[in-house]
Protein backbone atom coordinates (compact mmCIF):
# COMPACT_ATOMS: atom_id res chain seq x y z
CA UNK A 1 345.00 59.74 15.98
CA UNK A 2 343.95 63.08 17.55
CA UNK A 3 344.67 66.28 15.60
CA UNK A 4 347.28 67.60 18.09
CA UNK A 5 349.21 64.32 17.76
CA UNK A 6 349.10 64.55 13.96
CA UNK A 7 350.31 68.15 14.04
CA UNK A 8 353.15 67.25 16.40
CA UNK A 9 354.27 64.50 13.98
CA UNK A 10 354.17 66.97 11.07
CA UNK A 11 356.01 69.62 13.10
CA UNK A 12 358.72 67.14 14.04
CA UNK A 13 359.14 65.74 10.51
CA UNK A 14 359.55 69.20 9.00
CA UNK A 15 361.57 70.71 11.89
CA UNK A 16 358.97 73.45 12.36
CA UNK A 17 359.02 75.56 15.53
CA UNK A 18 357.61 73.87 18.61
CA UNK A 19 356.10 75.23 21.77
CA UNK A 20 352.81 76.12 23.34
CA UNK A 21 352.67 79.42 21.47
CA UNK A 22 352.72 77.75 18.06
CA UNK A 23 349.10 77.16 17.10
CA UNK A 24 347.86 74.10 15.24
CA UNK A 25 346.67 76.31 12.39
CA UNK A 26 350.03 78.04 12.00
CA UNK A 27 351.87 74.72 11.96
CA UNK A 28 349.56 73.30 9.29
CA UNK A 29 349.86 76.49 7.21
CA UNK A 30 353.66 76.43 7.47
CA UNK A 31 353.81 72.73 6.59
CA UNK A 32 351.55 73.23 3.55
CA UNK A 33 353.76 76.08 2.38
CA UNK A 34 356.96 74.10 2.92
CA UNK A 35 355.61 71.15 0.92
CA UNK A 36 353.88 73.27 -1.74
CA UNK A 37 350.39 72.02 -0.87
CA UNK A 38 347.13 73.95 -0.94
CA UNK A 39 345.19 74.73 2.22
CA UNK A 40 342.02 73.06 0.95
CA UNK A 41 339.71 71.29 3.38
CA UNK A 42 339.47 71.35 7.14
CA UNK A 43 342.40 71.09 9.50
CA UNK A 44 342.00 67.34 9.99
CA UNK A 45 341.91 66.75 6.21
CA UNK A 46 344.97 68.94 5.72
CA UNK A 47 346.84 67.16 8.52
CA UNK A 48 345.96 63.78 7.00
CA UNK A 49 347.18 64.94 3.57
CA UNK A 50 350.41 66.28 5.05
CA UNK A 51 351.07 63.03 6.89
CA UNK A 52 350.42 61.06 3.68
CA UNK A 53 352.86 63.22 1.70
CA UNK A 54 355.49 62.87 4.42
CA UNK A 55 354.92 59.10 4.55
CA UNK A 56 355.25 58.83 0.76
CA UNK A 57 358.59 60.65 0.91
CA UNK A 58 359.95 57.99 3.26
CA UNK A 59 359.10 55.12 0.91
């Protein structure tokens, strides 16, 4: 899944602000903060970790 698609899924799951002005980096930073996660690794790794945490919460 492309990074923008991952970030959109994270944004939607956490009800973070949407729109063209909201950068991928800002969304990932906000999601990490909301879930209490560190910002370790690249953006793709962080997005994957965020999606895993969100998925685990649904189980």
